[in-house]
Amino acid sequence: MSLLKSTLNLNDKVVQLLEAAGCDDLGAIAAMDVNDLRKRLADANQQLKVYKKLPSAKQIEKWITTAREQAGVTTEEQAPAEETPAAAQVAETPAEPELVNFEFDPDVLEMIAMSPLALPLPGKLLAAKQVPVQEIPEAVLLTAARGDVSIRVGTKSPEKTTESPIIKTPVAQGNYVNTISFGMKKEEVNRSRIRSTREFLDPNAKQPTEDHKALAAERMQRLRAAAPETNRGVDPSSRRYIRGVLHSNPNRVWWGALFTLACHFFIPFGIFAAFALLLKDNGSSMFQWVPSWFLAFPLGVFVIGALYLTISYGCTCRICGQKCFVPRNCLKNKKAHHIPILGYVFAVALHIVLFRWFRCSFCGTPVRLKE
């Protein structure tokens, strides 16, 4: 190939393309005509993707002329070969073997079961590895094979397992295989091997008895639903019917709701009382009726505000963890408690104080404060 490269002044890509087309010496190129060589180069380039645009017919003709000059072949010597009658060429061609269908042959199916899996290779990979097209073996078509079928198999048949493998069929796009994976069916979880955190930390810990399991089941039931005696005789559609999951700190939530309602009461009255006392001290005749004990309202704002920040501000929903008594400018659940003008926080706090359960304004989950 180095002689071919230096003689015809070709680059590596052209040499690779000529080699893939079966023209790896000067004699083979000299025996070609322009159309035949160009067709072979087009077929090889379609597989290897070396050139976006093939060399021109004039350039190919120049290669053939140079090859004939170097090989000492004249046009007259090639004429008889080109003028060979088609009937003589057909007569010299050996008869092709008859097509045979091996698709349902038991021996062939057994060989396929023992053979490795073959995947199609992209054309770019073959070009990068410089694999000639003529060295790529032709795939065996079982429904129309010529002669005997030869398949490379393993040394022994694979052992059959009770669980059938899960095989994802390759998804091909063009000459590339995108995904392929093999795996076995997932085994079910063996619950007998599951251990609790306490058993993991202390392997010598005593196993829970049936009484402990019964108490745990009862506790779980109490967390999910109220006791039967709690709602005995109450209409399930009534607001007095206590429902929802049990809150982890029901007493704090109830006191938080009470202080939230107190804030809604003391803040407006405290502002009004402070304004009225100020006008009374300035000698206004309209506010001479204001008693001195109205001063308790402005002072109560600070006391109730401190209790709100200490207790109410930290109360959260057991499910979503959002603060129950802190107003937020966001989309609320469609089932949330709401009173026009007074808003969501006041409605939730009032519902908790009156009925000992509430529905979270954010996630909509009912939460109760009574077992």
Protein backbone atom coordinates (compact mmCIF):
# COMPACT_ATOMS: atom_id res chain seq x y z
CA MET A 1 0.00 0.00 0.00
CA SER A 2 2.94 2.34 0.56
CA LEU A 3 3.90 1.79 -3.13
CA LEU A 4 0.34 2.59 -4.18
CA LYS A 5 0.37 5.72 -2.01
CA SER A 6 3.67 7.03 -3.35
CA THR A 7 3.04 6.12 -7.01
CA LEU A 8 -0.42 7.68 -7.34
CA ASN A 9 0.31 10.48 -4.81
CA LEU A 10 -2.66 9.53 -2.60
CA ASN A 11 -3.49 10.39 1.00
CA ASP A 12 -4.31 7.88 3.74
CA LYS A 13 -8.08 8.21 3.37
CA VAL A 14 -7.99 7.44 -0.38
CA VAL A 15 -5.68 4.48 0.20
CA GLN A 16 -8.04 3.15 2.89
CA LEU A 17 -11.01 3.60 0.54
CA LEU A 18 -9.23 1.81 -2.32
CA GLU A 19 -8.27 -1.04 -0.01
CA ALA A 20 -11.88 -1.38 1.15
CA ALA A 21 -12.96 -1.47 -2.50
CA GLY A 22 -10.58 -4.38 -3.20
CA CYS A 23 -8.02 -2.35 -5.20
CA ASP A 24 -4.91 -2.71 -3.07
CA ASP A 25 -2.28 -2.74 -5.85
CA LEU A 26 -1.51 -1.08 -9.17
CA GLY A 27 -2.59 -4.12 -11.19
CA ALA A 28 -6.09 -4.11 -9.72
CA ILE A 29 -6.52 -0.39 -10.42
CA ALA A 30 -5.11 -0.74 -13.95
CA ALA A 31 -7.66 -3.46 -14.75
CA MET A 32 -10.59 -1.17 -13.84
CA ASP A 33 -12.45 1.37 -15.90
CA VAL A 34 -13.59 4.71 -14.53
CA ASN A 35 -17.25 3.83 -13.94
CA ASP A 36 -16.49 0.46 -12.32
CA LEU A 37 -13.89 1.89 -9.94
CA ARG A 38 -16.08 4.83 -9.02
CA LYS A 39 -18.98 2.49 -8.20
CA ARG A 40 -16.76 0.36 -5.95
CA LEU A 41 -15.45 3.44 -4.17
CA ALA A 42 -19.04 4.64 -3.62
CA ASP A 43 -20.02 1.28 -2.06
CA ALA A 44 -16.96 1.29 0.22
CA ASN A 45 -17.50 4.91 1.24
CA GLN A 46 -21.10 4.17 2.13
CA GLN A 47 -19.88 1.69 4.73
CA LEU A 48 -16.82 3.55 6.05
CA LYS A 49 -18.09 7.14 5.72
CA VAL A 50 -14.58 8.39 4.83
CA TYR A 51 -15.54 11.09 2.33
CA LYS A 52 -18.57 13.31 2.16
CA LYS A 53 -17.94 13.73 -1.60
CA LEU A 54 -16.20 11.10 -3.73
CA PRO A 55 -13.25 11.97 -6.01
CA SER A 56 -14.28 13.14 -9.45
CA ALA A 57 -14.33 10.89 -12.50
CA LYS A 58 -11.44 12.89 -13.98
CA GLN A 59 -9.30 12.22 -10.90
CA ILE A 60 -10.14 8.50 -10.95
CA GLU A 61 -9.29 8.33 -14.65
CA LYS A 62 -5.93 9.91 -13.84
CA TRP A 63 -5.27 7.20 -11.19
CA ILE A 64 -6.13 4.43 -13.67
CA THR A 65 -3.89 5.95 -16.38
CA THR A 66 -0.95 6.28 -13.97
CA ALA A 67 -1.48 2.72 -12.68
CA ARG A 68 -1.50 1.33 -16.23
CA GLU A 69 1.66 3.21 -17.09
CA GLN A 70 3.44 1.94 -13.97
CA ALA A 71 2.15 -1.64 -14.41
CA GLY A 72 2.94 -1.69 -18.15
CA VAL A 73 -0.66 -2.36 -19.13
CA THR A 74 -2.01 -0.75 -22.31
CA THR A 75 -5.59 -0.01 -23.26
CA GLU A 76 -5.45 -2.51 -26.10
CA GLU A 77 -4.55 -5.32 -23.71
CA GLN A 78 -7.60 -4.53 -21.62
CA ALA A 79 -9.97 -4.34 -24.57
CA PRO A 80 -10.38 -8.09 -25.05
CA ALA A 81 -11.24 -8.53 -21.41
CA GLU A 82 -13.85 -5.74 -21.66
CA GLU A 83 -15.23 -7.16 -24.89
CA THR A 84 -15.64 -10.66 -23.44
CA PRO A 85 -19.15 -11.82 -24.30
CA ALA A 86 -21.59 -11.90 -21.39
CA ALA A 87 -22.48 -15.51 -22.16
CA ALA A 88 -18.85 -16.61 -21.70
CA GLN A 89 -18.64 -14.81 -18.36
CA VAL A 90 -21.85 -16.48 -17.21
CA ALA A 91 -20.52 -19.84 -18.29
CA GLU A 92 -17.32 -19.36 -16.29
CA THR A 93 -19.29 -18.37 -13.14
CA PRO A 94 -19.88 -21.39 -10.91
CA ALA A 95 -23.48 -22.24 -10.11
CA GLU A 96 -24.64 -20.90 -6.76
CA PRO A 97 -25.76 -23.48 -4.19
CA GLU A 98 -29.46 -23.90 -3.57
CA LEU A 99 -31.00 -21.81 -0.74
CA VAL A 100 -31.85 -23.81 2.42
CA ASN A 101 -34.12 -22.80 5.34
CA PHE A 102 -32.48 -23.67 8.70
CA GLU A 103 -34.80 -21.56 10.88
CA PHE A 104 -36.51 -24.54 12.55
CA ASP A 105 -33.62 -27.03 12.38
CA PRO A 106 -33.15 -28.52 15.93
CA ASP A 107 -29.36 -28.73 15.56
CA VAL A 108 -29.12 -25.10 14.47
CA LEU A 109 -31.39 -23.92 17.30
CA GLU A 110 -29.23 -25.79 19.81
CA MET A 111 -26.08 -24.17 18.40
CA ILE A 112 -27.69 -20.72 18.58
CA ALA A 113 -28.61 -21.30 22.24
CA MET A 114 -24.96 -22.09 23.05
CA SER A 115 -23.40 -19.34 20.92
CA PRO A 116 -22.34 -15.87 22.13
CA LEU A 117 -24.53 -12.86 21.44
CA ALA A 118 -23.46 -10.80 18.41
CA LEU A 119 -24.13 -7.06 18.26
CA PRO A 120 -23.97 -4.92 15.10
CA LEU A 121 -20.94 -2.60 14.93
CA PRO A 122 -21.26 0.98 13.66
CA GLY A 123 -19.47 1.91 10.45
CA LYS A 124 -17.40 4.62 12.17
CA LEU A 125 -15.93 2.06 14.56
CA LEU A 126 -14.84 -0.16 11.66
CA ALA A 127 -13.27 2.86 9.97
CA ALA A 128 -11.43 3.86 13.16
CA LYS A 129 -10.04 0.32 13.52
CA GLN A 130 -9.13 0.28 9.81
CA VAL A 131 -11.05 -2.95 9.16
CA PRO A 132 -11.43 -3.61 5.39
CA VAL A 133 -14.94 -4.28 4.16
CA GLN A 134 -13.98 -7.59 2.56
CA GLU A 135 -12.77 -8.91 5.92
CA ILE A 136 -16.17 -8.42 7.58
CA PRO A 137 -17.96 -11.81 7.53
CA GLU A 138 -21.37 -11.99 5.96
CA ALA A 139 -24.21 -12.60 8.38
CA VAL A 140 -25.98 -15.94 8.20
CA LEU A 141 -29.60 -15.69 7.07
CA LEU A 142 -31.23 -18.82 8.50
CA THR A 143 -34.28 -18.60 6.24
CA ALA A 144 -32.16 -18.50 3.06
CA ALA A 145 -28.71 -19.98 3.76
CA ARG A 146 -26.42 -21.27 1.05
CA GLY A 147 -25.04 -24.64 2.04
CA ASP A 148 -24.28 -25.72 5.59
CA VAL A 149 -24.51 -23.30 8.53
CA SER A 150 -21.50 -22.89 10.85
CA ILE A 151 -22.00 -21.17 14.21
CA ARG A 152 -19.34 -20.64 16.90
CA VAL A 153 -20.64 -22.16 20.12
CA GLY A 154 -19.44 -22.57 23.70
CA THR A 155 -17.86 -25.61 25.30
CA LYS A 156 -21.03 -26.62 27.11
CA SER A 157 -24.69 -25.76 27.17
CA PRO A 158 -25.61 -23.08 29.70
CA GLU A 159 -27.31 -24.34 32.83
CA LYS A 160 -31.01 -23.74 32.88
CA THR A 161 -32.29 -21.73 35.83
CA THR A 162 -35.71 -21.78 37.36
CA GLU A 163 -36.05 -18.03 36.91
CA SER A 164 -36.26 -16.80 33.35
CA PRO A 165 -33.99 -13.83 32.55
CA ILE A 166 -35.44 -10.46 31.72
CA ILE A 167 -33.92 -9.28 28.43
CA LYS A 168 -34.42 -5.79 27.09
CA THR A 169 -34.34 -5.83 23.31
CA PRO A 170 -31.72 -3.49 21.80
CA VAL A 171 -33.24 -0.30 20.43
CA ALA A 172 -31.35 0.54 17.25
CA GLN A 173 -31.18 3.85 15.44
CA GLY A 174 -29.25 3.64 12.19
CA ASN A 175 -26.07 1.61 12.77
CA TYR A 176 -25.88 2.18 16.53
CA VAL A 177 -27.31 0.23 19.44
CA ASN A 178 -28.61 2.61 22.10
CA THR A 179 -29.35 0.42 25.12
CA ILE A 180 -29.15 -3.24 26.02
CA SER A 181 -29.20 -4.78 29.46
CA PHE A 182 -29.66 -8.20 30.97
CA GLY A 183 -30.84 -9.07 34.43
CA MET A 184 -32.75 -11.54 36.52
CA LYS A 185 -36.13 -11.03 38.10
CA LYS A 186 -35.91 -9.23 41.41
CA GLU A 187 -36.39 -11.46 44.39
CA GLU A 188 -39.12 -10.60 46.86
CA VAL A 189 -38.06 -9.06 50.15
CA ASN A 190 -37.48 -11.65 52.85
CA ARG A 191 -39.32 -10.07 55.76
CA SER A 192 -37.84 -12.52 58.24
CA ARG A 193 -34.43 -10.89 57.74
CA ILE A 194 -35.64 -7.35 58.47
CA ARG A 195 -34.46 -5.99 61.81
CA SER A 196 -35.45 -2.92 63.74
CA THR A 197 -33.02 -0.12 64.58
CA ARG A 198 -32.85 -1.26 68.19
CA GLU A 199 -31.96 -4.81 67.15
CA PHE A 200 -29.28 -3.47 64.79
CA LEU A 201 -27.68 -1.33 67.49
CA ASP A 202 -27.99 -4.01 70.17
CA PRO A 203 -28.05 -7.58 68.73
CA ASN A 204 -28.57 -8.97 72.25
CA ALA A 205 -31.74 -6.96 72.81
CA LYS A 206 -34.84 -8.94 73.74
CA GLN A 207 -37.28 -9.68 70.99
CA PRO A 208 -40.64 -7.92 71.36
CA THR A 209 -43.32 -10.10 72.86
CA GLU A 210 -46.85 -10.46 71.62
CA ASP A 211 -48.03 -7.97 74.27
CA HIS A 212 -45.57 -5.38 73.00
CA LYS A 213 -46.68 -6.00 69.43
CA ALA A 214 -50.33 -5.63 70.44
CA LEU A 215 -49.58 -2.36 72.25
CA ALA A 216 -47.67 -1.08 69.22
CA ALA A 217 -50.57 -1.97 66.93
CA GLU A 218 -53.03 -0.25 69.26
CA ARG A 219 -50.82 2.83 69.41
CA MET A 220 -50.64 2.95 65.63
CA GLN A 221 -54.41 2.65 65.42
CA ARG A 222 -54.82 5.55 67.85
CA LEU A 223 -52.48 7.68 65.76
CA ARG A 224 -54.51 7.05 62.62
CA ALA A 225 -58.06 7.41 63.96
CA ALA A 226 -59.81 8.59 67.10
CA ALA A 227 -61.06 6.14 69.70
CA PRO A 228 -64.66 4.93 69.21
CA GLU A 229 -65.82 6.52 72.50
CA THR A 230 -64.52 9.93 71.39
CA ASN A 231 -67.05 10.29 68.58
CA ARG A 232 -69.84 8.14 70.03
CA GLY A 233 -73.20 9.65 69.11
CA VAL A 234 -71.69 12.38 66.88
CA ASP A 235 -72.74 12.82 63.27
CA PRO A 236 -69.73 11.97 61.03
CA SER A 237 -70.55 14.92 58.75
CA SER A 238 -70.57 17.39 61.67
CA ARG A 239 -67.63 19.62 62.56
CA ARG A 240 -67.80 18.21 66.09
CA TYR A 241 -66.75 14.83 64.71
CA ILE A 242 -63.03 14.61 65.59
CA ARG A 243 -61.03 13.18 62.69
CA GLY A 244 -57.53 13.00 61.27
CA VAL A 245 -54.15 11.81 62.53
CA LEU A 246 -53.15 12.55 66.12
CA HIS A 247 -50.78 15.50 66.51
CA SER A 248 -47.49 14.81 68.30
CA ASN A 249 -47.96 17.89 70.58
CA PRO A 250 -51.70 18.55 70.81
CA ASN A 251 -51.62 20.71 73.97
CA ARG A 252 -49.16 23.21 72.51
CA VAL A 253 -51.20 23.49 69.29
CA TRP A 254 -54.37 24.18 71.29
CA TRP A 255 -52.71 26.90 73.42
CA GLY A 256 -51.09 28.29 70.27
CA ALA A 257 -54.52 28.60 68.66
CA LEU A 258 -55.85 30.36 71.80
CA PHE A 259 -53.01 32.91 71.82
CA THR A 260 -53.48 33.47 68.06
CA LEU A 261 -57.14 34.36 68.65
CA ALA A 262 -56.09 36.63 71.51
CA CYS A 263 -53.70 38.45 69.18
CA HIS A 264 -56.54 39.05 66.71
CA PHE A 265 -58.56 40.55 69.58
CA PHE A 266 -55.94 42.52 71.49
CA ILE A 267 -54.13 44.16 68.55
CA PRO A 268 -57.10 46.20 67.20
CA PHE A 269 -58.49 46.95 70.69
CA GLY A 270 -55.03 47.87 71.97
CA ILE A 271 -54.55 50.36 69.12
CA PHE A 272 -58.01 51.85 69.74
CA ALA A 273 -57.48 52.06 73.52
CA ALA A 274 -54.09 53.72 73.16
CA PHE A 275 -55.53 56.27 70.71
CA ALA A 276 -58.54 56.98 72.98
CA LEU A 277 -56.39 57.42 76.12
CA LEU A 278 -54.08 59.77 74.21
CA LEU A 279 -57.01 61.98 73.11
CA LYS A 280 -58.44 61.95 76.64
CA ASP A 281 -55.15 63.22 78.05
CA ASN A 282 -55.19 66.00 75.44
CA GLY A 283 -58.57 67.21 76.78
CA SER A 284 -60.85 65.95 74.03
CA SER A 285 -64.46 66.03 75.20
CA MET A 286 -65.44 63.06 73.01
CA PHE A 287 -63.12 60.65 74.89
CA GLN A 288 -63.71 61.76 78.48
CA TRP A 289 -65.71 58.58 79.03
CA VAL A 290 -62.67 56.33 78.43
CA PRO A 291 -61.77 54.58 81.74
CA SER A 292 -58.20 54.23 82.91
CA TRP A 293 -58.30 50.45 82.81
CA PHE A 294 -58.29 50.65 78.99
CA LEU A 295 -54.54 50.82 79.43
CA ALA A 296 -54.67 47.03 79.90
CA PHE A 297 -55.32 46.57 76.17
CA PRO A 298 -52.07 48.19 74.92
CA LEU A 299 -50.13 46.35 77.60
CA GLY A 300 -51.89 43.11 76.68
CA VAL A 301 -50.67 43.44 73.11
CA PHE A 302 -47.07 43.05 74.29
CA VAL A 303 -47.90 40.14 76.61
CA ILE A 304 -50.01 38.25 74.07
CA GLY A 305 -47.46 39.02 71.34
CA ALA A 306 -44.70 37.48 73.45
CA LEU A 307 -46.83 34.35 74.05
CA TYR A 308 -47.62 34.13 70.33
CA LEU A 309 -43.96 34.27 69.38
CA THR A 310 -43.04 31.74 72.08
CA ILE A 311 -45.78 29.14 71.56
CA SER A 312 -47.98 29.82 68.52
CA TYR A 313 -45.22 30.64 66.05
CA GLY A 314 -43.60 27.20 66.39
CA CYS A 315 -46.78 25.11 65.93
CA THR A 316 -46.58 23.10 62.71
CA CYS A 317 -48.64 20.54 60.82
CA ARG A 318 -47.73 16.95 61.69
CA ILE A 319 -47.80 15.92 58.02
CA CYS A 320 -46.27 18.71 55.91
CA GLY A 321 -44.42 20.63 58.66
CA GLN A 322 -45.79 24.06 57.65
CA LYS A 323 -46.48 26.62 60.39
CA CYS A 324 -50.15 26.62 61.31
CA PHE A 325 -50.53 30.18 62.69
CA VAL A 326 -48.16 32.14 60.46
CA PRO A 327 -49.80 33.86 57.45
CA ARG A 328 -48.20 33.09 54.10
CA ASN A 329 -48.97 34.57 50.70
CA CYS A 330 -49.29 31.33 48.77
CA LEU A 331 -51.87 29.02 47.27
CA LYS A 332 -53.87 27.25 49.98
CA ASN A 333 -55.60 23.89 49.87
CA LYS A 334 -59.14 23.99 48.56
CA LYS A 335 -60.41 22.31 51.76
CA ALA A 336 -58.64 24.75 54.10
CA HIS A 337 -60.62 26.62 56.80
CA HIS A 338 -61.32 30.18 55.70
CA ILE A 339 -63.41 33.10 56.96
CA PRO A 340 -63.83 36.08 54.63
CA ILE A 341 -61.89 39.20 55.73
CA LEU A 342 -60.44 37.36 58.75
CA GLY A 343 -58.50 34.93 56.56
CA TYR A 344 -57.08 31.42 57.05
CA VAL A 345 -55.06 31.71 60.28
CA PHE A 346 -57.99 33.02 62.33
CA ALA A 347 -60.28 30.31 60.89
CA VAL A 348 -57.81 27.52 61.76
CA ALA A 349 -57.25 28.82 65.30
CA LEU A 350 -61.00 29.17 65.95
CA HIS A 351 -61.66 25.68 64.58
CA ILE A 352 -58.99 24.20 66.87
CA VAL A 353 -60.32 25.90 70.00
CA LEU A 354 -63.93 24.89 69.29
CA PHE A 355 -63.61 21.39 67.84
CA ARG A 356 -60.12 20.12 68.87
CA TRP A 357 -59.13 19.26 65.28
CA PHE A 358 -58.22 21.21 62.15
CA ARG A 359 -57.42 20.78 58.47
CA CYS A 360 -53.99 22.03 57.40
CA SER A 361 -54.25 25.09 55.15
CA PHE A 362 -51.36 23.87 52.96
CA CYS A 363 -51.63 20.08 52.58
CA GLY A 364 -55.31 19.75 53.52
CA THR A 365 -54.70 16.81 55.90
CA PRO A 366 -57.02 16.62 58.92
CA VAL A 367 -55.13 16.63 62.24
CA ARG A 368 -56.80 16.04 65.60
CA LEU A 369 -55.73 17.11 69.09
CA LYS A 370 -57.67 14.50 71.04
CA GLU A 371 -57.29 10.73 71.15
